Amino acid sequence: MKKLVDIAHSRAGDKGNILVLSLIPFDSKDFDWLVQNITADRVKSHLKGQIKGNVTRYVLPSIHALQFTCEDALAGGVTTSLALDAHGKSLSYALLEMEI
């Protein structure tokens, strides 16, 4: 079975307890497939152990990217969390482990 890591890369950012994940295909021809198949619900389900709040998906066609804003995802945020990865950087790699 293929995984997202086979067709895309990801970046992560944070602001307080909100995590932002980007998903960018290596080849722009895979962008439409990502739009059709990688939904906010699917991302939340895949990262269910970490993301407690809403996930909102933004489609950025001009740069062939998806962005997911994940609320209540960083155990309170960088300054209050005891989590090993309070910035959520490892979650961009966890997203890429999604089977597709």
C-alpha atoms as a PDB file:
ATOM      1  CA  MET A   1       0.000   0.000   0.000  1.00  0.00           C
ATOM      2  CA  LYS A   2       1.242   3.472  -0.850  1.00  0.00           C
ATOM      3  CA  LYS A   3       1.547   6.272   1.685  1.00  0.00           C
ATOM      4  CA  LEU A   4       1.370  10.027   1.324  1.00  0.00           C
ATOM      5  CA  VAL A   5       5.141  10.169   1.727  1.00  0.00           C
ATOM      6  CA  ASP A   6       5.369   8.494  -1.696  1.00  0.00           C
ATOM      7  CA  ILE A   7       3.713  11.448  -3.465  1.00  0.00           C
ATOM      8  CA  ALA A   8       3.976  14.486  -1.172  1.00  0.00           C
ATOM      9  CA  HIS A   9       5.915  16.332   1.465  1.00  0.00           C
ATOM     10  CA  SER A  10       4.683  18.234   4.492  1.00  0.00           C
ATOM     11  CA  ARG A  11       5.631  21.148   6.704  1.00  0.00           C
ATOM     12  CA  ALA A  12       4.342  22.092  10.138  1.00  0.00           C
ATOM     13  CA  GLY A  13       3.904  25.338  12.010  1.00  0.00           C
ATOM     14  CA  ASP A  14       2.366  26.285  15.317  1.00  0.00           C
ATOM     15  CA  LYS A  15       0.707  29.168  17.124  1.00  0.00           C
ATOM     16  CA  GLY A  16      -0.277  28.460  20.691  1.00  0.00           C
ATOM     17  CA  ASN A  17      -2.306  25.267  20.744  1.00  0.00           C
ATOM     18  CA  ILE A  18      -2.988  25.354  16.985  1.00  0.00           C
ATOM     19  CA  LEU A  19      -1.003  23.256  14.543  1.00  0.00           C
ATOM     20  CA  VAL A  20      -0.796  24.063  10.834  1.00  0.00           C
ATOM     21  CA  LEU A  21       0.147  21.226   8.479  1.00  0.00           C
ATOM     22  CA  SER A  22       0.839  21.716   4.803  1.00  0.00           C
ATOM     23  CA  LEU A  23       0.693  18.963   2.209  1.00  0.00           C
ATOM     24  CA  ILE A  24       2.438  19.570  -1.101  1.00  0.00           C
ATOM     25  CA  PRO A  25       2.689  16.972  -3.883  1.00  0.00           C
ATOM     26  CA  PHE A  26       6.086  16.364  -5.457  1.00  0.00           C
ATOM     27  CA  ASP A  27       4.368  16.364  -8.850  1.00  0.00           C
ATOM     28  CA  SER A  28       1.577  18.888  -9.488  1.00  0.00           C
ATOM     29  CA  LYS A  29      -0.363  16.213 -11.398  1.00  0.00           C
ATOM     30  CA  ASP A  30      -1.140  14.591  -8.013  1.00  0.00           C
ATOM     31  CA  PHE A  31      -2.716  17.771  -6.600  1.00  0.00           C
ATOM     32  CA  ASP A  32      -6.280  17.047  -7.788  1.00  0.00           C
ATOM     33  CA  TRP A  33      -6.083  13.552  -6.307  1.00  0.00           C
ATOM     34  CA  LEU A  34      -5.021  15.026  -2.955  1.00  0.00           C
ATOM     35  CA  VAL A  35      -7.901  17.529  -3.059  1.00  0.00           C
ATOM     36  CA  GLN A  36     -10.399  14.737  -3.703  1.00  0.00           C
ATOM     37  CA  ASN A  37      -9.047  12.259  -1.162  1.00  0.00           C
ATOM     38  CA  ILE A  38      -7.271  13.980   1.729  1.00  0.00           C
ATOM     39  CA  THR A  39     -10.075  15.617   3.671  1.00  0.00           C
ATOM     40  CA  ALA A  40     -10.074  17.365   7.029  1.00  0.00           C
ATOM     41  CA  ASP A  41     -11.965  14.411   8.525  1.00  0.00           C
ATOM     42  CA  ARG A  42      -9.421  11.955   7.184  1.00  0.00           C
ATOM     43  CA  VAL A  43      -6.511  13.962   8.635  1.00  0.00           C
ATOM     44  CA  LYS A  44      -8.253  14.226  12.012  1.00  0.00           C
ATOM     45  CA  SER A  45      -8.941  10.490  12.033  1.00  0.00           C
ATOM     46  CA  HIS A  46      -5.352   9.672  11.075  1.00  0.00           C
ATOM     47  CA  LEU A  47      -3.966  11.910  13.864  1.00  0.00           C
ATOM     48  CA  LYS A  48      -6.753  11.169  16.348  1.00  0.00           C
ATOM     49  CA  GLY A  49      -4.405  10.596  19.257  1.00  0.00           C
ATOM     50  CA  GLN A  50      -3.007  14.110  18.969  1.00  0.00           C
ATOM     51  CA  ILE A  51      -5.666  16.426  17.544  1.00  0.00           C
ATOM     52  CA  LYS A  52      -8.501  17.054  19.987  1.00  0.00           C
ATOM     53  CA  GLY A  53     -10.227  19.965  18.212  1.00  0.00           C
ATOM     54  CA  ASN A  54     -11.486  20.840  14.759  1.00  0.00           C
ATOM     55  CA  VAL A  55      -9.463  20.394  11.590  1.00  0.00           C
ATOM     56  CA  THR A  56     -10.076  22.875   8.783  1.00  0.00           C
ATOM     57  CA  ARG A  57      -8.735  22.276   5.287  1.00  0.00           C
ATOM     58  CA  TYR A  58      -7.732  25.037   2.896  1.00  0.00           C
ATOM     59  CA  VAL A  59      -7.105  24.315  -0.771  1.00  0.00           C
ATOM     60  CA  LEU A  60      -4.378  26.502  -2.295  1.00  0.00           C
ATOM     61  CA  PRO A  61      -4.575  25.796  -6.035  1.00  0.00           C
ATOM     62  CA  SER A  62      -2.164  28.519  -7.092  1.00  0.00           C
ATOM     63  CA  ILE A  63       0.667  26.730  -5.276  1.00  0.00           C
ATOM     64  CA  HIS A  64      -0.735  23.173  -5.553  1.00  0.00           C
ATOM     65  CA  ALA A  65      -0.943  22.699  -1.792  1.00  0.00           C
ATOM     66  CA  LEU A  66      -3.354  21.820   0.977  1.00  0.00           C
ATOM     67  CA  GLN A  67      -3.215  23.378   4.421  1.00  0.00           C
ATOM     68  CA  PHE A  68      -4.814  21.904   7.529  1.00  0.00           C
ATOM     69  CA  THR A  69      -5.405  24.020  10.617  1.00  0.00           C
ATOM     70  CA  CYS A  70      -5.670  21.701  13.615  1.00  0.00           C
ATOM     71  CA  GLU A  71      -7.105  23.119  16.830  1.00  0.00           C
ATOM     72  CA  ASP A  72      -6.279  21.816  20.298  1.00  0.00           C
ATOM     73  CA  ALA A  73      -3.422  19.794  18.866  1.00  0.00           C
ATOM     74  CA  LEU A  74      -0.333  20.713  20.876  1.00  0.00           C
ATOM     75  CA  ALA A  75      -1.253  19.866  24.480  1.00  0.00           C
ATOM     76  CA  GLY A  76      -1.732  23.524  25.387  1.00  0.00           C
ATOM     77  CA  GLY A  77       0.964  24.986  23.171  1.00  0.00           C
ATOM     78  CA  VAL A  78       4.722  25.358  23.247  1.00  0.00           C
ATOM     79  CA  THR A  79       4.985  27.412  26.423  1.00  0.00           C
ATOM     80  CA  THR A  80       2.648  25.242  28.499  1.00  0.00           C
ATOM     81  CA  SER A  81       3.107  21.740  27.127  1.00  0.00           C
ATOM     82  CA  LEU A  82       5.130  18.904  28.569  1.00  0.00           C
ATOM     83  CA  ALA A  83       4.908  17.103  25.215  1.00  0.00           C
ATOM     84  CA  LEU A  84       8.179  15.998  23.631  1.00  0.00           C
ATOM     85  CA  ASP A  85       7.233  17.743  20.390  1.00  0.00           C
ATOM     86  CA  ALA A  86       5.338  20.818  21.529  1.00  0.00           C
ATOM     87  CA  HIS A  87       5.808  22.470  18.122  1.00  0.00           C
ATOM     88  CA  GLY A  88       4.152  19.547  16.332  1.00  0.00           C
ATOM     89  CA  LYS A  89       6.933  19.135  13.766  1.00  0.00           C
ATOM     90  CA  SER A  90       6.827  15.348  13.983  1.00  0.00           C
ATOM     91  CA  LEU A  91       3.127  15.421  13.073  1.00  0.00           C
ATOM     92  CA  SER A  92       4.022  16.473   9.536  1.00  0.00           C
ATOM     93  CA  TYR A  93       5.856  13.161   9.246  1.00  0.00           C
ATOM     94  CA  ALA A  94       2.984  11.319  10.956  1.00  0.00           C
ATOM     95  CA  LEU A  95       0.632  12.763   8.311  1.00  0.00           C
ATOM     96  CA  LEU A  96       2.872  11.390   5.562  1.00  0.00           C
ATOM     97  CA  GLU A  97       2.481   7.892   7.041  1.00  0.00           C
ATOM     98  CA  MET A  98      -1.227   7.915   6.023  1.00  0.00           C
ATOM     99  CA  GLU A  99      -1.993   5.000   3.731  1.00  0.00           C
ATOM    100  CA  ILE A 100      -3.572   6.064   0.456  1.00  0.00           C
END
